[in-house]
Amino acid sequence: MSKAGDGEYSSEEEYRNIFDAVGDGLIIYDIEMELVVEANPAACEMHGYTRQEFIGLNPVAFTVPDRQDVVREHGRMVESAISSESVAVHKRKDGTPFHVESHRSAISYQGRPCVLSAIRDVSRYIQTEDILSGQVAAQREEQATLLATSYALAS
């Protein structure tokens, strides 16, 4: 890595190192152009794209069809300086869906209005929650059956 003239890394280089080192996906989306203008390695890997493939994509490309209108709405929310959070479904390059927790904020990037999204793959947590919910439902059903049998025997 090259150093700035005073023996320290340039601010841009420092920020790039931080941006690239973050384990969560970071995506910068240009609101007007409706394109990804920057993404860190975690975001690219999470979605199954190389950085070169990911930069320039419209976020609709990695959002499941029934959630694409929400992408546009989030852009409008962030454009009006409202930060937002949600759990959404993204899709990988191969079409495989996965759940993400997303935090979006309005930023200015290279002098343009953009959205910075910090995303985390929460598929494992969603799957675990679904399994536990299924087990609870099965236990409730079993208890209801036992209770009904108990009432029938008692009467």
Protein backbone atom coordinates (compact mmCIF):
# COMPACT_ATOMS: atom_id res chain seq x y z
CA MET A 1 0.00 0.00 0.00
CA SER A 2 1.22 3.41 -0.80
CA LYS A 3 1.52 6.01 1.90
CA ALA A 4 0.69 9.68 1.70
CA GLY A 5 3.58 12.13 1.71
CA ASP A 6 3.50 12.64 5.49
CA GLY A 7 4.05 8.95 6.24
CA GLU A 8 0.37 8.14 6.88
CA TYR A 9 -2.22 6.45 4.73
CA SER A 10 -4.44 8.83 2.79
CA SER A 11 -7.95 9.27 4.20
CA GLU A 12 -9.43 7.65 1.10
CA GLU A 13 -7.15 4.64 1.51
CA GLU A 14 -8.02 4.35 5.20
CA TYR A 15 -11.75 4.48 4.48
CA ARG A 16 -11.38 1.93 1.67
CA ASN A 17 -9.55 -0.43 4.03
CA ILE A 18 -12.32 -0.08 6.63
CA PHE A 19 -15.09 -0.44 4.02
CA ASP A 20 -13.51 -3.60 2.62
CA ALA A 21 -12.79 -5.12 6.06
CA VAL A 22 -16.36 -4.91 7.41
CA GLY A 23 -17.91 -8.37 7.73
CA ASP A 24 -21.43 -7.15 6.94
CA GLY A 25 -22.31 -6.30 3.37
CA LEU A 26 -22.06 -2.61 2.52
CA ILE A 27 -23.76 -1.37 -0.64
CA ILE A 28 -23.89 2.19 -1.91
CA TYR A 29 -26.83 2.74 -4.25
CA ASP A 30 -27.19 5.90 -6.37
CA ILE A 31 -30.82 6.99 -6.00
CA GLU A 32 -31.07 8.89 -9.30
CA MET A 33 -29.21 6.40 -11.47
CA GLU A 34 -30.81 3.44 -9.63
CA LEU A 35 -27.49 1.58 -9.65
CA VAL A 36 -25.06 0.10 -7.17
CA VAL A 37 -22.03 2.38 -7.29
CA GLU A 38 -19.95 0.69 -4.61
CA ALA A 39 -19.98 -2.54 -2.63
CA ASN A 40 -17.59 -4.23 -0.25
CA PRO A 41 -16.33 -7.81 -0.67
CA ALA A 42 -18.82 -9.15 1.91
CA ALA A 43 -21.82 -7.82 -0.08
CA CYS A 44 -20.46 -9.23 -3.34
CA GLU A 45 -19.73 -12.64 -1.82
CA MET A 46 -23.11 -12.75 -0.05
CA HIS A 47 -24.87 -12.23 -3.39
CA GLY A 48 -22.55 -14.48 -5.43
CA TYR A 49 -21.16 -11.77 -7.72
CA THR A 50 -17.68 -10.49 -8.39
CA ARG A 51 -17.22 -6.82 -7.54
CA GLN A 52 -17.10 -5.99 -11.26
CA GLU A 53 -20.45 -7.76 -11.80
CA PHE A 54 -22.10 -6.22 -8.73
CA ILE A 55 -21.16 -2.59 -9.39
CA GLY A 56 -23.66 -1.16 -11.86
CA LEU A 57 -26.52 -3.52 -10.94
CA ASN A 58 -29.96 -2.16 -10.23
CA PRO A 59 -30.92 -3.49 -6.76
CA VAL A 60 -33.95 -5.11 -8.38
CA ALA A 61 -31.44 -7.67 -9.77
CA PHE A 62 -30.80 -9.03 -6.27
CA THR A 63 -34.25 -8.55 -4.76
CA VAL A 64 -36.96 -11.19 -5.05
CA PRO A 65 -39.75 -10.13 -7.46
CA ASP A 66 -42.47 -9.68 -4.84
CA ARG A 67 -40.27 -7.23 -2.88
CA GLN A 68 -38.99 -5.03 -5.70
CA ASP A 69 -41.52 -2.25 -5.07
CA VAL A 70 -40.19 -2.07 -1.50
CA VAL A 71 -36.70 -1.33 -2.88
CA ARG A 72 -38.02 1.77 -4.61
CA GLU A 73 -39.95 2.82 -1.50
CA HIS A 74 -36.82 2.51 0.66
CA GLY A 75 -35.01 4.75 -1.81
CA ARG A 76 -37.71 7.39 -1.38
CA MET A 77 -37.64 7.04 2.42
CA VAL A 78 -33.89 7.42 2.59
CA GLU A 79 -33.93 10.22 0.05
CA SER A 80 -36.04 12.20 2.51
CA ALA A 81 -33.35 11.58 5.17
CA ILE A 82 -35.28 8.88 7.02
CA SER A 83 -33.08 5.96 8.03
CA SER A 84 -34.79 2.62 7.95
CA GLU A 85 -34.33 -0.98 8.99
CA SER A 86 -36.03 -4.12 7.78
CA VAL A 87 -35.71 -7.82 7.21
CA ALA A 88 -35.97 -8.57 3.51
CA VAL A 89 -35.32 -11.34 1.04
CA HIS A 90 -32.47 -10.93 -1.42
CA LYS A 91 -31.40 -13.37 -4.10
CA ARG A 92 -28.00 -14.57 -5.14
CA LYS A 93 -26.74 -14.50 -8.69
CA ASP A 94 -27.91 -18.12 -9.07
CA GLY A 95 -31.43 -17.12 -7.96
CA THR A 96 -31.21 -18.65 -4.48
CA PRO A 97 -33.18 -16.50 -2.00
CA PHE A 98 -31.79 -15.56 1.42
CA HIS A 99 -32.98 -13.36 4.28
CA VAL A 100 -31.13 -10.17 5.15
CA GLU A 101 -31.40 -7.61 7.87
CA SER A 102 -30.86 -4.24 6.26
CA HIS A 103 -30.07 -0.81 7.71
CA ARG A 104 -30.32 2.05 5.22
CA SER A 105 -29.21 5.66 5.51
CA ALA A 106 -29.04 8.61 3.14
CA ILE A 107 -25.51 9.68 2.27
CA SER A 108 -23.79 11.80 -0.30
CA TYR A 109 -21.25 9.78 -2.27
CA GLN A 110 -19.06 11.47 -4.85
CA GLY A 111 -21.41 14.44 -4.68
CA ARG A 112 -24.52 12.38 -5.51
CA PRO A 113 -27.52 11.41 -3.34
CA CYS A 114 -27.12 7.77 -2.39
CA VAL A 115 -28.31 5.12 0.01
CA LEU A 116 -25.83 3.23 2.17
CA SER A 117 -27.19 -0.21 3.05
CA ALA A 118 -25.53 -2.34 5.69
CA ILE A 119 -26.82 -5.88 5.24
CA ARG A 120 -26.40 -9.07 7.20
CA ASP A 121 -27.41 -12.55 6.08
CA VAL A 122 -29.88 -13.73 8.75
CA SER A 123 -31.12 -16.84 6.92
CA ARG A 124 -29.79 -19.18 9.61
CA TYR A 125 -31.68 -17.26 12.31
CA ILE A 126 -34.91 -17.22 10.28
CA GLN A 127 -34.63 -20.97 9.64
CA THR A 128 -34.03 -21.65 13.34
CA GLU A 129 -37.00 -19.48 14.27
CA ASP A 130 -39.20 -21.36 11.77
CA ILE A 131 -38.09 -24.71 13.19
CA LEU A 132 -38.77 -23.59 16.76
CA SER A 133 -42.17 -22.16 15.79
CA GLY A 134 -43.05 -25.49 14.16
CA GLN A 135 -42.02 -27.38 17.27
CA VAL A 136 -44.07 -25.08 19.50
CA ALA A 137 -47.11 -25.52 17.23
CA ALA A 138 -46.69 -29.31 17.30
CA GLN A 139 -46.44 -29.28 21.10
CA ARG A 140 -49.57 -27.12 21.37
CA GLU A 141 -51.46 -29.49 19.11
CA GLU A 142 -50.28 -32.45 21.16
CA GLN A 143 -51.32 -30.74 24.40
CA ALA A 144 -54.73 -29.85 22.95
CA THR A 145 -55.24 -33.48 21.92
CA LEU A 146 -54.22 -34.71 25.38
CA LEU A 147 -56.51 -32.15 27.02
CA ALA A 148 -59.44 -33.17 24.80
CA THR A 149 -58.77 -36.84 25.58
CA SER A 150 -58.55 -36.04 29.29
CA TYR A 151 -61.91 -34.20 29.20
CA ALA A 152 -63.49 -37.08 27.29
CA LEU A 153 -62.23 -39.61 29.84
CA ALA A 154 -63.31 -37.47 32.77
CA SER A 155 -66.89 -37.16 31.52
